[in-house]
N, C-alpha and C. Protein backbone atom coordinates (compact mmCIF):
# COMPACT_ATOMS: atom_id res chain seq x y z
N MET A 1 -30.74 -7.08 -80.24
CA MET A 1 -30.92 -7.78 -79.12
C MET A 1 -32.31 -7.26 -78.54
N ALA A 2 -32.90 -8.14 -77.76
CA ALA A 2 -34.18 -7.84 -77.18
C ALA A 2 -34.12 -6.88 -76.18
N ALA A 3 -33.09 -7.10 -75.28
CA ALA A 3 -32.99 -6.15 -74.13
C ALA A 3 -31.70 -5.25 -74.36
N GLU A 4 -31.74 -4.16 -73.91
CA GLU A 4 -30.58 -3.30 -74.09
C GLU A 4 -29.66 -3.46 -72.83
N LEU A 5 -28.35 -3.87 -73.25
CA LEU A 5 -27.51 -4.11 -72.13
C LEU A 5 -26.83 -2.79 -71.59
N PRO A 6 -26.27 -2.88 -70.40
CA PRO A 6 -25.60 -1.59 -69.85
C PRO A 6 -24.58 -1.37 -70.56
N ARG A 7 -23.98 -0.06 -70.69
CA ARG A 7 -22.76 0.32 -71.27
C ARG A 7 -21.48 -0.15 -70.79
N TYR A 8 -21.57 -0.41 -69.32
CA TYR A 8 -20.36 -0.95 -68.72
C TYR A 8 -20.77 -2.18 -67.78
N TYR A 9 -19.61 -3.04 -67.54
CA TYR A 9 -19.86 -4.09 -66.87
C TYR A 9 -18.65 -4.18 -65.76
N PHE A 10 -19.04 -4.42 -64.64
CA PHE A 10 -17.97 -4.35 -63.47
C PHE A 10 -17.82 -5.76 -62.87
N ARG A 11 -16.78 -6.36 -63.10
CA ARG A 11 -16.48 -7.68 -62.57
C ARG A 11 -15.85 -7.40 -61.25
N THR A 12 -16.77 -7.70 -60.22
CA THR A 12 -16.38 -7.37 -58.89
C THR A 12 -15.28 -8.47 -58.33
N ARG A 13 -14.28 -7.86 -57.64
CA ARG A 13 -13.33 -8.62 -56.87
C ARG A 13 -13.29 -8.23 -55.47
N GLU A 14 -12.53 -8.70 -54.68
CA GLU A 14 -12.44 -8.40 -53.13
C GLU A 14 -12.25 -7.00 -53.02
N ASN A 15 -11.46 -6.25 -53.64
CA ASN A 15 -10.97 -4.95 -53.27
C ASN A 15 -11.55 -3.88 -54.39
N GLY A 16 -12.46 -4.35 -55.18
CA GLY A 16 -12.76 -3.40 -56.32
C GLY A 16 -13.39 -4.18 -57.49
N ALA A 17 -13.04 -3.81 -58.69
CA ALA A 17 -13.53 -4.38 -59.92
C ALA A 17 -12.64 -4.09 -61.08
N ILE A 18 -12.87 -5.04 -62.08
CA ILE A 18 -12.44 -4.80 -63.46
C ILE A 18 -13.55 -4.15 -64.18
N VAL A 19 -13.17 -2.98 -64.92
CA VAL A 19 -14.21 -2.39 -65.71
C VAL A 19 -14.10 -2.77 -67.11
N PHE A 20 -15.28 -3.13 -67.68
CA PHE A 20 -15.47 -3.41 -69.13
C PHE A 20 -16.27 -2.55 -69.76
N ARG A 21 -15.98 -2.10 -70.95
CA ARG A 21 -17.00 -1.32 -71.81
C ARG A 21 -17.66 -2.40 -72.72
N ILE A 22 -18.97 -2.30 -72.84
CA ILE A 22 -19.73 -3.30 -73.54
C ILE A 22 -19.98 -2.78 -74.96
N GLU A 23 -19.67 -3.42 -76.06
CA GLU A 23 -19.86 -3.19 -77.41
C GLU A 23 -20.89 -4.15 -77.90
N GLN A 24 -22.02 -3.78 -78.32
CA GLN A 24 -23.07 -4.61 -78.83
C GLN A 24 -23.14 -4.57 -80.47
N GLU A 25 -22.73 -3.53 -80.92
CA GLU A 25 -22.92 -3.22 -82.45
C GLU A 25 -21.70 -3.73 -83.14
N THR A 26 -21.25 -4.90 -83.08
CA THR A 26 -20.14 -5.36 -83.77
C THR A 26 -20.64 -6.05 -85.17
N ARG A 27 -19.67 -6.29 -86.02
CA ARG A 27 -19.93 -6.80 -87.49
C ARG A 27 -20.53 -8.20 -87.16
N THR A 28 -20.11 -8.89 -86.17
CA THR A 28 -20.60 -10.32 -86.20
C THR A 28 -21.73 -10.35 -85.03
N ARG A 29 -22.30 -9.24 -84.85
CA ARG A 29 -23.59 -9.18 -83.89
C ARG A 29 -23.34 -9.86 -82.60
N ARG A 30 -21.90 -9.85 -82.19
CA ARG A 30 -21.63 -10.45 -80.90
C ARG A 30 -21.39 -9.27 -79.81
N ILE A 31 -21.43 -9.75 -78.70
CA ILE A 31 -21.25 -8.80 -77.52
C ILE A 31 -19.74 -8.78 -77.27
N ASP A 32 -19.05 -7.68 -77.24
CA ASP A 32 -17.61 -7.55 -77.02
C ASP A 32 -17.51 -6.86 -75.72
N MET A 33 -16.64 -7.34 -74.78
CA MET A 33 -16.46 -6.62 -73.50
C MET A 33 -14.88 -6.28 -73.53
N GLU A 34 -14.68 -5.04 -73.57
CA GLU A 34 -13.24 -4.31 -73.66
C GLU A 34 -12.91 -3.98 -72.28
N GLN A 35 -11.92 -4.49 -71.69
CA GLN A 35 -11.37 -4.17 -70.45
C GLN A 35 -10.86 -2.64 -70.48
N ILE A 36 -11.39 -1.66 -69.63
CA ILE A 36 -10.80 -0.29 -69.82
C ILE A 36 -10.19 0.08 -68.52
N ALA A 37 -10.33 -0.46 -67.39
CA ALA A 37 -9.79 0.05 -66.23
C ALA A 37 -9.87 -1.11 -65.01
N VAL A 38 -9.15 -0.78 -64.00
CA VAL A 38 -9.10 -1.61 -62.72
C VAL A 38 -9.49 -0.44 -61.57
N VAL A 39 -10.42 -1.06 -60.86
CA VAL A 39 -10.90 0.04 -59.78
C VAL A 39 -10.50 -0.57 -58.28
N ASN A 40 -9.87 0.13 -57.52
CA ASN A 40 -9.76 -0.05 -56.18
C ASN A 40 -10.68 0.67 -55.28
N ILE A 41 -11.60 -0.01 -54.75
CA ILE A 41 -12.70 0.52 -53.90
C ILE A 41 -12.14 1.17 -52.65
N ARG A 42 -11.23 0.43 -52.02
CA ARG A 42 -10.69 0.94 -50.64
C ARG A 42 -10.05 2.37 -50.77
N ASN A 43 -9.20 2.54 -51.80
CA ASN A 43 -8.53 3.76 -51.75
C ASN A 43 -9.06 4.82 -52.88
N GLY A 44 -10.10 4.27 -53.84
CA GLY A 44 -10.62 5.05 -54.79
C GLY A 44 -9.81 5.11 -56.03
N GLU A 45 -8.67 4.34 -56.18
CA GLU A 45 -7.82 4.52 -57.27
C GLU A 45 -8.42 3.85 -58.66
N VAL A 46 -8.27 4.45 -59.58
CA VAL A 46 -8.81 3.95 -60.93
C VAL A 46 -7.55 3.99 -61.95
N LYS A 47 -7.28 2.79 -62.23
CA LYS A 47 -6.02 2.54 -63.27
C LYS A 47 -6.55 2.21 -64.60
N PRO A 48 -6.45 3.03 -65.61
CA PRO A 48 -6.85 2.78 -66.90
C PRO A 48 -6.04 1.51 -67.34
N HIS A 49 -6.72 0.67 -68.15
CA HIS A 49 -5.98 -0.71 -68.72
C HIS A 49 -5.21 -0.23 -69.81
N GLY A 50 -3.91 -0.70 -69.63
CA GLY A 50 -2.86 -0.36 -70.68
C GLY A 50 -2.59 1.07 -70.87
N ASP A 51 -2.57 1.51 -72.15
CA ASP A 51 -2.24 3.00 -72.34
C ASP A 51 -3.50 3.71 -72.57
N ARG A 52 -4.56 3.32 -72.10
CA ARG A 52 -5.83 3.93 -72.60
C ARG A 52 -6.11 5.25 -71.63
N THR A 53 -6.93 5.99 -72.32
CA THR A 53 -7.29 7.20 -71.57
C THR A 53 -8.87 7.06 -71.42
N LEU A 54 -9.17 7.17 -70.15
CA LEU A 54 -10.81 7.20 -69.90
C LEU A 54 -11.54 8.42 -70.35
N SER A 55 -12.63 8.22 -70.95
CA SER A 55 -13.52 9.33 -71.24
C SER A 55 -14.12 9.82 -70.06
N ALA A 56 -14.85 11.04 -70.28
CA ALA A 56 -15.60 11.49 -69.14
C ALA A 56 -16.78 10.64 -68.86
N ASP A 57 -17.33 9.98 -69.82
CA ASP A 57 -18.51 9.04 -69.44
C ASP A 57 -18.02 7.86 -68.72
N ASP A 58 -16.70 7.41 -69.05
CA ASP A 58 -16.13 6.29 -68.44
C ASP A 58 -15.98 6.63 -66.98
N ILE A 59 -15.35 7.72 -66.73
CA ILE A 59 -15.15 8.12 -65.31
C ILE A 59 -16.43 8.37 -64.57
N ASP A 60 -17.37 8.85 -65.18
CA ASP A 60 -18.73 9.13 -64.51
C ASP A 60 -19.35 7.85 -64.11
N ALA A 61 -19.20 6.72 -64.93
CA ALA A 61 -19.81 5.50 -64.75
C ALA A 61 -19.02 4.77 -63.66
N ILE A 62 -17.81 4.92 -63.62
CA ILE A 62 -16.83 4.37 -62.61
C ILE A 62 -17.19 5.00 -61.18
N ASP A 63 -17.16 6.39 -61.29
CA ASP A 63 -17.53 7.15 -59.92
C ASP A 63 -18.80 6.69 -59.48
N GLY A 64 -19.80 6.54 -60.34
CA GLY A 64 -21.25 6.06 -59.89
C GLY A 64 -21.17 4.67 -59.25
N TRP A 65 -20.48 3.78 -60.05
CA TRP A 65 -20.44 2.46 -59.58
C TRP A 65 -19.77 2.36 -58.21
N MET A 66 -18.67 3.14 -57.95
CA MET A 66 -17.85 3.10 -56.76
C MET A 66 -18.83 3.63 -55.65
N ALA A 67 -19.62 4.67 -55.74
CA ALA A 67 -20.43 5.17 -54.73
C ALA A 67 -21.57 4.03 -54.45
N GLU A 68 -22.09 3.54 -55.47
CA GLU A 68 -23.08 2.54 -55.06
C GLU A 68 -22.48 1.37 -54.45
N ARG A 69 -21.35 0.77 -54.88
CA ARG A 69 -20.74 -0.28 -54.39
C ARG A 69 -20.41 0.02 -52.86
N ARG A 70 -19.97 1.11 -52.44
CA ARG A 70 -19.50 1.43 -51.10
C ARG A 70 -20.88 1.42 -50.23
N ARG A 71 -21.92 1.94 -50.89
CA ARG A 71 -23.19 1.83 -50.24
C ARG A 71 -23.69 0.29 -49.92
N VAL A 72 -23.45 -0.49 -50.84
CA VAL A 72 -23.94 -1.87 -50.76
C VAL A 72 -23.06 -2.56 -49.76
N LEU A 73 -21.80 -2.32 -49.88
CA LEU A 73 -20.84 -3.04 -48.95
C LEU A 73 -21.09 -2.60 -47.44
N ALA A 74 -21.48 -1.31 -47.31
CA ALA A 74 -21.77 -0.79 -45.82
C ALA A 74 -23.05 -1.44 -45.42
N GLU A 75 -23.99 -1.43 -46.34
CA GLU A 75 -25.28 -2.19 -46.00
C GLU A 75 -25.03 -3.61 -45.70
N ARG A 76 -24.25 -4.35 -46.32
CA ARG A 76 -23.98 -5.74 -46.15
C ARG A 76 -23.32 -5.87 -44.82
N MET A 77 -22.41 -5.00 -44.48
CA MET A 77 -21.53 -5.06 -43.22
C MET A 77 -22.60 -5.05 -42.10
N VAL A 78 -23.55 -4.12 -42.09
CA VAL A 78 -24.52 -4.06 -40.98
C VAL A 78 -25.30 -5.24 -40.96
N ASP A 79 -25.82 -5.71 -41.96
CA ASP A 79 -26.61 -7.04 -42.14
C ASP A 79 -25.76 -8.15 -41.45
N ASP A 80 -24.45 -8.31 -41.88
CA ASP A 80 -23.56 -9.33 -41.31
C ASP A 80 -23.47 -9.25 -39.87
N ILE A 81 -23.39 -8.05 -39.37
CA ILE A 81 -23.19 -7.85 -37.81
C ILE A 81 -24.56 -8.24 -37.23
N ARG A 82 -25.63 -7.91 -37.83
CA ARG A 82 -26.90 -8.35 -37.23
C ARG A 82 -27.16 -9.90 -37.19
N ARG A 83 -26.52 -10.44 -38.29
CA ARG A 83 -26.63 -11.84 -38.33
C ARG A 83 -25.69 -12.53 -37.32
N THR A 84 -24.56 -11.91 -37.05
CA THR A 84 -23.67 -12.30 -36.02
C THR A 84 -24.27 -12.27 -34.55
N VAL A 85 -24.99 -11.32 -34.34
CA VAL A 85 -25.85 -11.23 -33.09
C VAL A 85 -26.72 -12.27 -33.01
N ASP A 86 -27.49 -12.67 -34.17
CA ASP A 86 -28.34 -13.81 -34.09
C ASP A 86 -27.57 -15.09 -33.84
N HIS A 87 -26.50 -15.14 -34.61
CA HIS A 87 -25.56 -16.36 -34.36
C HIS A 87 -25.15 -16.58 -32.88
N LEU A 88 -24.61 -15.55 -32.40
CA LEU A 88 -24.27 -15.62 -30.72
C LEU A 88 -25.42 -16.03 -30.02
N ASN A 89 -26.60 -15.49 -30.26
CA ASN A 89 -27.69 -16.00 -29.45
C ASN A 89 -27.89 -17.55 -29.58
N GLN A 90 -27.83 -17.98 -30.93
CA GLN A 90 -27.88 -19.40 -31.25
C GLN A 90 -26.93 -20.12 -30.40
N VAL A 91 -25.60 -19.67 -30.53
CA VAL A 91 -24.65 -20.34 -29.93
C VAL A 91 -24.89 -20.47 -28.26
N ALA A 92 -25.29 -19.37 -27.69
CA ALA A 92 -25.61 -19.39 -26.41
C ALA A 92 -26.67 -20.44 -25.79
N HIS A 93 -27.72 -20.49 -26.90
CA HIS A 93 -28.82 -21.43 -26.60
C HIS A 93 -28.19 -22.92 -26.79
N TRP A 94 -27.42 -23.12 -27.69
CA TRP A 94 -26.74 -24.41 -27.93
C TRP A 94 -26.08 -24.83 -26.87
N ILE A 95 -25.12 -23.87 -26.30
CA ILE A 95 -24.29 -24.24 -25.15
C ILE A 95 -25.00 -24.52 -23.96
N GLN A 96 -26.10 -23.84 -23.71
CA GLN A 96 -27.03 -23.94 -22.59
C GLN A 96 -27.84 -25.31 -22.59
N SER A 97 -28.17 -25.62 -23.89
CA SER A 97 -29.31 -26.69 -23.93
C SER A 97 -28.94 -28.08 -24.55
N LYS A 98 -27.95 -27.91 -25.41
CA LYS A 98 -27.55 -29.13 -26.21
C LYS A 98 -26.16 -29.56 -26.25
N ALA A 99 -25.16 -28.61 -25.90
CA ALA A 99 -23.77 -29.01 -26.15
C ALA A 99 -23.20 -30.01 -25.16
N GLU A 100 -22.43 -30.79 -25.37
CA GLU A 100 -21.71 -31.78 -24.58
C GLU A 100 -20.52 -30.98 -23.93
N ASP A 101 -20.17 -31.48 -22.85
CA ASP A 101 -18.93 -30.95 -22.10
C ASP A 101 -17.66 -30.60 -23.03
N HIS A 102 -17.36 -31.81 -23.74
CA HIS A 102 -16.16 -31.80 -24.69
C HIS A 102 -16.36 -30.68 -25.66
N GLU A 103 -17.58 -30.48 -26.25
CA GLU A 103 -17.79 -29.61 -27.26
C GLU A 103 -17.75 -28.01 -26.74
N ILE A 104 -18.16 -27.98 -25.54
CA ILE A 104 -18.10 -26.61 -24.84
C ILE A 104 -16.58 -26.23 -24.51
N ASP A 105 -15.94 -27.31 -24.18
CA ASP A 105 -14.31 -27.09 -23.99
C ASP A 105 -13.70 -26.77 -25.24
N ALA A 106 -14.08 -27.27 -26.19
CA ALA A 106 -13.50 -27.18 -27.71
C ALA A 106 -13.52 -25.64 -28.23
N VAL A 107 -14.73 -24.91 -27.67
CA VAL A 107 -14.87 -23.61 -28.24
C VAL A 107 -14.80 -22.47 -27.23
N THR A 108 -14.63 -22.77 -25.93
CA THR A 108 -14.69 -21.80 -24.87
C THR A 108 -13.72 -20.74 -25.05
N ASP A 109 -12.45 -21.11 -25.04
CA ASP A 109 -11.34 -20.25 -25.04
C ASP A 109 -11.37 -19.26 -26.35
N ASP A 110 -11.69 -19.72 -27.52
CA ASP A 110 -11.81 -18.92 -28.72
C ASP A 110 -13.00 -17.94 -28.62
N LEU A 111 -14.10 -18.33 -28.10
CA LEU A 111 -15.31 -17.56 -27.92
C LEU A 111 -15.09 -16.43 -26.80
N LEU A 112 -14.36 -16.88 -25.63
CA LEU A 112 -14.18 -15.91 -24.69
C LEU A 112 -13.35 -14.83 -25.07
N LEU A 113 -12.20 -15.30 -25.81
CA LEU A 113 -11.14 -14.15 -26.24
C LEU A 113 -11.81 -13.23 -27.29
N SER A 114 -12.57 -13.80 -28.22
CA SER A 114 -13.10 -12.92 -29.28
C SER A 114 -14.18 -12.15 -28.71
N MET A 115 -14.96 -12.56 -27.86
CA MET A 115 -16.06 -11.60 -27.07
C MET A 115 -15.35 -10.69 -26.08
N HIS A 116 -14.15 -11.06 -25.53
CA HIS A 116 -13.52 -9.97 -24.75
C HIS A 116 -12.93 -8.83 -25.68
N ASP A 117 -12.34 -9.35 -26.79
CA ASP A 117 -11.76 -8.44 -27.74
C ASP A 117 -12.96 -7.42 -28.26
N LEU A 118 -14.03 -7.93 -28.72
CA LEU A 118 -15.19 -7.23 -29.13
C LEU A 118 -15.84 -6.33 -28.15
N ARG A 119 -15.83 -6.76 -26.87
CA ARG A 119 -16.27 -5.91 -25.76
C ARG A 119 -15.44 -4.66 -25.60
N SER A 120 -14.10 -5.00 -25.59
CA SER A 120 -13.13 -3.90 -25.41
C SER A 120 -13.09 -2.75 -26.42
N VAL A 121 -13.40 -3.18 -27.76
CA VAL A 121 -13.50 -2.36 -28.83
C VAL A 121 -14.71 -1.53 -28.52
N LEU A 122 -15.85 -2.28 -28.44
CA LEU A 122 -17.09 -1.37 -28.26
C LEU A 122 -17.06 -0.54 -27.14
N VAL A 123 -16.50 -0.73 -26.08
CA VAL A 123 -16.53 0.11 -24.88
C VAL A 123 -15.51 1.30 -25.22
N ARG A 124 -14.47 0.94 -25.75
CA ARG A 124 -13.49 2.11 -26.14
C ARG A 124 -14.22 2.99 -27.07
N LYS A 125 -14.78 2.60 -28.21
CA LYS A 125 -15.38 3.21 -29.22
C LYS A 125 -16.49 4.22 -28.64
N ARG A 126 -17.39 3.55 -27.66
CA ARG A 126 -18.47 4.33 -27.02
C ARG A 126 -17.86 5.50 -26.08
N ALA A 127 -16.88 5.14 -25.49
CA ALA A 127 -16.27 6.08 -24.59
C ALA A 127 -15.64 7.31 -25.45
N GLU A 128 -14.97 6.99 -26.49
CA GLU A 128 -14.48 8.14 -27.37
C GLU A 128 -15.68 8.97 -27.80
N ARG A 129 -16.69 8.28 -28.20
CA ARG A 129 -17.94 9.11 -28.77
C ARG A 129 -18.66 9.81 -27.64
N VAL A 130 -18.63 9.36 -26.43
CA VAL A 130 -19.23 10.23 -25.46
C VAL A 130 -18.32 11.25 -25.01
N GLN A 131 -16.97 11.13 -24.95
CA GLN A 131 -15.97 12.10 -24.82
C GLN A 131 -16.12 13.22 -25.84
N THR A 132 -16.16 12.90 -27.13
CA THR A 132 -16.27 13.88 -28.20
C THR A 132 -17.62 14.61 -28.09
N THR A 133 -18.74 14.02 -27.66
CA THR A 133 -19.94 14.67 -27.61
C THR A 133 -19.83 15.68 -26.40
N ARG A 134 -19.25 15.40 -25.36
CA ARG A 134 -19.07 16.22 -24.13
C ARG A 134 -18.22 17.55 -24.59
N GLU A 135 -17.26 17.28 -25.38
CA GLU A 135 -16.30 18.53 -25.80
C GLU A 135 -16.92 19.37 -26.76
N SER A 136 -17.89 18.82 -27.39
CA SER A 136 -18.65 19.67 -28.48
C SER A 136 -19.44 20.71 -27.91
């Protein structure tokens, strides 16, 4: 092959990934992907596929992937929140300048409840952090 493929492939899913080991040097010159494990990113659980025993290289690759995946997901979460702030600003502008009364009525309760919930959580978290800082 022209380019060297990685040794492992991680098929991501909502809570982790299915881990495959890539075999490039087969008799038929095909790429074979052999499932070796299932990873749960939330609790760090790694389940070998079938009765397989994972090698030290397998475990190192999985641990590295999990660390990187957690970093990427945390980065995406912050980006999503920043986009939400932008979106809230757009909603405020839409309500102020373009929305019809019936459109405002259709979204007001949902928006007010979700904003109240968010504000309550933010205030509580900030108060806990301030309290912890004072105790330190």
